[in-house]
C-alpha cells in the first residue's frame, strides 16, 4: 500500500519518516520529496508498506500527530 505523508516540517528527514512507520511493520520504500533546484524538502513523502493491515494501523496511529512541530497528515496515496 502506498501512503502519502503531508505537512512535514522542512527539517524532517527520510530516516525519521521510515522509523515512524517501521514501528508498525516492514517499510518497502520511503521517499521524501525534494525540490529539484534547492534540494530541500517539499514537505511531503511517500511510504510503501506491503502488509495492508500494518499500513492501515500506521495511518490511523500517525495521522494528526506532531512531528518536528508540524501536525502531519497521513492517508492512502492516490
N, C-alpha and C. Protein backbone atom coordinates (compact mmCIF):
# COMPACT_ATOMS: atom_id res chain seq x y z
N UNK A 1 0.85 -1.17 0.00
CA UNK A 1 0.00 0.00 0.00
C UNK A 1 0.89 1.23 0.00
N UNK A 2 0.56 2.19 -0.84
CA UNK A 2 1.32 3.43 -0.92
C UNK A 2 0.62 4.49 -0.07
N UNK A 3 1.40 5.13 0.79
CA UNK A 3 0.89 6.09 1.76
C UNK A 3 1.48 7.46 1.50
N UNK A 4 0.65 8.49 1.58
CA UNK A 4 1.09 9.87 1.44
C UNK A 4 1.18 10.50 2.82
N UNK A 5 2.31 11.11 3.11
CA UNK A 5 2.52 11.82 4.37
C UNK A 5 2.70 13.29 4.03
N UNK A 6 1.78 14.15 4.49
CA UNK A 6 1.82 15.58 4.14
C UNK A 6 2.06 16.44 5.37
N UNK A 7 2.32 17.71 5.12
CA UNK A 7 2.51 18.72 6.15
C UNK A 7 3.74 18.44 7.02
N UNK A 8 4.77 17.88 6.41
CA UNK A 8 6.00 17.61 7.14
C UNK A 8 6.80 18.90 7.32
N UNK A 9 7.47 19.01 8.44
CA UNK A 9 8.40 20.10 8.65
C UNK A 9 9.52 19.96 7.63
N UNK A 10 10.07 21.07 7.21
CA UNK A 10 11.18 21.03 6.24
C UNK A 10 12.43 20.39 6.83
N UNK A 11 12.46 20.26 8.16
CA UNK A 11 13.63 19.66 8.81
C UNK A 11 13.49 18.15 9.04
N UNK A 12 12.30 17.60 8.80
CA UNK A 12 12.08 16.16 8.98
C UNK A 12 12.84 15.39 7.89
N UNK A 13 13.52 14.34 8.30
CA UNK A 13 14.33 13.56 7.35
C UNK A 13 13.61 12.28 6.92
N UNK A 14 14.10 11.72 5.84
CA UNK A 14 13.57 10.46 5.33
C UNK A 14 13.78 9.34 6.35
N UNK A 15 14.90 9.38 7.05
CA UNK A 15 15.20 8.37 8.07
C UNK A 15 14.16 8.44 9.20
N UNK A 16 13.80 9.65 9.63
CA UNK A 16 12.79 9.81 10.68
C UNK A 16 11.45 9.23 10.24
N UNK A 17 11.07 9.52 9.01
CA UNK A 17 9.79 9.03 8.49
C UNK A 17 9.79 7.51 8.44
N UNK A 18 10.86 6.93 7.92
CA UNK A 18 10.97 5.47 7.85
C UNK A 18 10.84 4.86 9.24
N UNK A 19 11.54 5.41 10.22
CA UNK A 19 11.49 4.87 11.58
C UNK A 19 10.09 4.94 12.18
N UNK A 20 9.36 6.03 11.90
CA UNK A 20 7.99 6.16 12.41
C UNK A 20 7.12 5.02 11.90
N UNK A 21 7.23 4.71 10.61
CA UNK A 21 6.39 3.69 10.01
C UNK A 21 6.87 2.28 10.34
N UNK A 22 8.16 2.10 10.54
CA UNK A 22 8.68 0.77 10.87
C UNK A 22 8.19 0.28 12.23
N UNK A 23 7.70 1.17 13.07
CA UNK A 23 7.11 0.75 14.34
C UNK A 23 5.85 -0.09 14.12
N UNK A 24 5.27 -0.01 12.93
CA UNK A 24 4.02 -0.71 12.62
C UNK A 24 4.22 -1.88 11.67
N UNK A 25 5.42 -2.03 11.11
CA UNK A 25 5.68 -3.13 10.20
C UNK A 25 6.80 -2.80 9.23
N UNK A 26 6.96 -3.68 8.27
CA UNK A 26 8.04 -3.55 7.29
C UNK A 26 7.72 -2.45 6.27
N UNK A 27 8.69 -1.55 6.08
CA UNK A 27 8.57 -0.48 5.10
C UNK A 27 9.37 -0.88 3.87
N UNK A 28 8.71 -0.92 2.71
CA UNK A 28 9.40 -1.29 1.49
C UNK A 28 10.19 -0.13 0.91
N UNK A 29 9.54 1.01 0.79
CA UNK A 29 10.17 2.17 0.19
C UNK A 29 9.71 3.41 0.94
N UNK A 30 10.62 4.35 1.09
CA UNK A 30 10.29 5.62 1.73
C UNK A 30 10.96 6.71 0.90
N UNK A 31 10.17 7.68 0.44
CA UNK A 31 10.70 8.70 -0.43
C UNK A 31 10.23 10.08 0.01
N UNK A 32 11.14 10.85 0.60
CA UNK A 32 10.88 12.24 0.94
C UNK A 32 11.07 13.06 -0.33
N UNK A 33 10.05 13.81 -0.74
CA UNK A 33 10.11 14.56 -1.99
C UNK A 33 10.90 15.85 -1.77
N UNK A 34 11.92 16.02 -2.63
CA UNK A 34 12.81 17.18 -2.53
C UNK A 34 12.64 18.09 -3.73
N UNK A 35 12.84 19.38 -3.51
CA UNK A 35 12.82 20.37 -4.58
C UNK A 35 14.04 20.13 -5.47
N UNK A 36 13.83 20.07 -6.77
CA UNK A 36 14.92 19.77 -7.71
C UNK A 36 16.00 20.85 -7.73
N UNK A 37 15.61 22.08 -7.47
CA UNK A 37 16.57 23.18 -7.53
C UNK A 37 17.32 23.37 -6.21
N UNK A 38 16.57 23.42 -5.11
CA UNK A 38 17.20 23.70 -3.81
C UNK A 38 17.67 22.45 -3.08
N UNK A 39 17.07 21.30 -3.41
CA UNK A 39 17.41 20.07 -2.71
C UNK A 39 16.77 19.96 -1.34
N UNK A 40 15.90 20.91 -1.00
CA UNK A 40 15.23 20.91 0.30
C UNK A 40 13.87 20.21 0.21
N UNK A 41 13.40 19.75 1.34
CA UNK A 41 12.13 19.03 1.42
C UNK A 41 10.97 19.91 0.93
N UNK A 42 10.05 19.27 0.22
CA UNK A 42 8.83 19.96 -0.20
C UNK A 42 7.70 19.78 0.82
N UNK A 43 7.99 19.04 1.90
CA UNK A 43 7.00 18.90 2.96
C UNK A 43 6.08 17.70 2.83
N UNK A 44 6.40 16.78 1.93
CA UNK A 44 5.60 15.56 1.85
C UNK A 44 6.47 14.39 1.43
N UNK A 45 5.95 13.18 1.69
CA UNK A 45 6.70 11.96 1.41
C UNK A 45 5.74 10.84 1.05
N UNK A 46 6.29 9.80 0.44
CA UNK A 46 5.54 8.59 0.14
C UNK A 46 6.20 7.42 0.85
N UNK A 47 5.39 6.59 1.46
CA UNK A 47 5.87 5.40 2.16
C UNK A 47 5.11 4.21 1.60
N UNK A 48 5.83 3.11 1.33
CA UNK A 48 5.17 1.90 0.85
C UNK A 48 5.33 0.79 1.87
N UNK A 49 4.20 0.16 2.18
CA UNK A 49 4.17 -0.98 3.09
C UNK A 49 3.40 -2.11 2.40
N UNK A 50 4.00 -3.29 2.33
CA UNK A 50 3.36 -4.42 1.63
C UNK A 50 2.14 -4.96 2.37
N UNK A 51 2.21 -4.98 3.70
CA UNK A 51 1.12 -5.52 4.51
C UNK A 51 0.06 -4.43 4.72
N UNK A 52 -1.10 -4.62 4.11
CA UNK A 52 -2.15 -3.61 4.17
C UNK A 52 -2.64 -3.36 5.60
N UNK A 53 -2.74 -4.41 6.39
CA UNK A 53 -3.20 -4.26 7.78
C UNK A 53 -2.22 -3.38 8.57
N UNK A 54 -0.93 -3.61 8.40
CA UNK A 54 0.07 -2.80 9.08
C UNK A 54 0.02 -1.35 8.59
N UNK A 55 -0.19 -1.18 7.30
CA UNK A 55 -0.26 0.16 6.72
C UNK A 55 -1.45 0.94 7.27
N UNK A 56 -2.59 0.28 7.38
CA UNK A 56 -3.79 0.94 7.91
C UNK A 56 -3.58 1.33 9.37
N UNK A 57 -2.97 0.43 10.15
CA UNK A 57 -2.68 0.75 11.55
C UNK A 57 -1.74 1.95 11.66
N UNK A 58 -0.72 1.99 10.81
CA UNK A 58 0.23 3.10 10.82
C UNK A 58 -0.46 4.41 10.46
N UNK A 59 -1.31 4.37 9.44
CA UNK A 59 -2.01 5.60 9.03
C UNK A 59 -2.90 6.13 10.15
N UNK A 60 -3.65 5.24 10.77
CA UNK A 60 -4.55 5.66 11.86
C UNK A 60 -3.78 6.21 13.05
N UNK A 61 -2.67 5.57 13.38
CA UNK A 61 -1.90 5.98 14.55
C UNK A 61 -1.12 7.28 14.31
N UNK A 62 -0.63 7.47 13.10
CA UNK A 62 0.25 8.61 12.84
C UNK A 62 -0.46 9.86 12.32
N UNK A 63 -1.65 9.69 11.76
CA UNK A 63 -2.38 10.85 11.24
C UNK A 63 -2.66 11.85 12.36
N UNK A 64 -2.40 13.11 12.07
CA UNK A 64 -2.64 14.22 13.01
C UNK A 64 -1.67 14.25 14.19
N UNK A 65 -0.56 13.50 14.12
CA UNK A 65 0.43 13.56 15.20
C UNK A 65 1.42 14.69 14.93
N UNK A 66 2.07 15.15 15.99
CA UNK A 66 3.06 16.21 15.89
C UNK A 66 4.44 15.60 15.64
N UNK A 67 5.09 16.07 14.58
CA UNK A 67 6.44 15.63 14.24
C UNK A 67 7.23 16.89 13.90
N UNK A 68 8.29 17.15 14.64
CA UNK A 68 9.11 18.35 14.42
C UNK A 68 8.25 19.61 14.37
N UNK A 69 7.33 19.73 15.31
CA UNK A 69 6.46 20.90 15.46
C UNK A 69 5.45 21.10 14.33
N UNK A 70 5.21 20.06 13.55
CA UNK A 70 4.18 20.12 12.50
C UNK A 70 3.20 18.96 12.69
N UNK A 71 1.91 19.27 12.52
CA UNK A 71 0.89 18.22 12.63
C UNK A 71 0.76 17.57 11.26
N UNK A 72 1.25 16.32 11.16
CA UNK A 72 1.29 15.64 9.87
C UNK A 72 -0.08 15.05 9.51
N UNK A 73 -0.28 14.87 8.22
CA UNK A 73 -1.49 14.23 7.69
C UNK A 73 -1.05 12.98 6.95
N UNK A 74 -1.70 11.87 7.24
CA UNK A 74 -1.32 10.59 6.66
C UNK A 74 -2.55 9.93 6.04
N UNK A 75 -2.46 9.56 4.76
CA UNK A 75 -3.58 8.91 4.09
C UNK A 75 -3.07 8.05 2.94
N UNK A 76 -3.97 7.28 2.36
CA UNK A 76 -3.62 6.45 1.22
C UNK A 76 -3.31 7.36 0.03
N UNK A 77 -2.20 7.06 -0.65
CA UNK A 77 -1.83 7.84 -1.84
C UNK A 77 -2.76 7.48 -2.99
N UNK A 78 -3.12 8.46 -3.77
CA UNK A 78 -4.00 8.25 -4.93
C UNK A 78 -3.21 7.88 -6.16
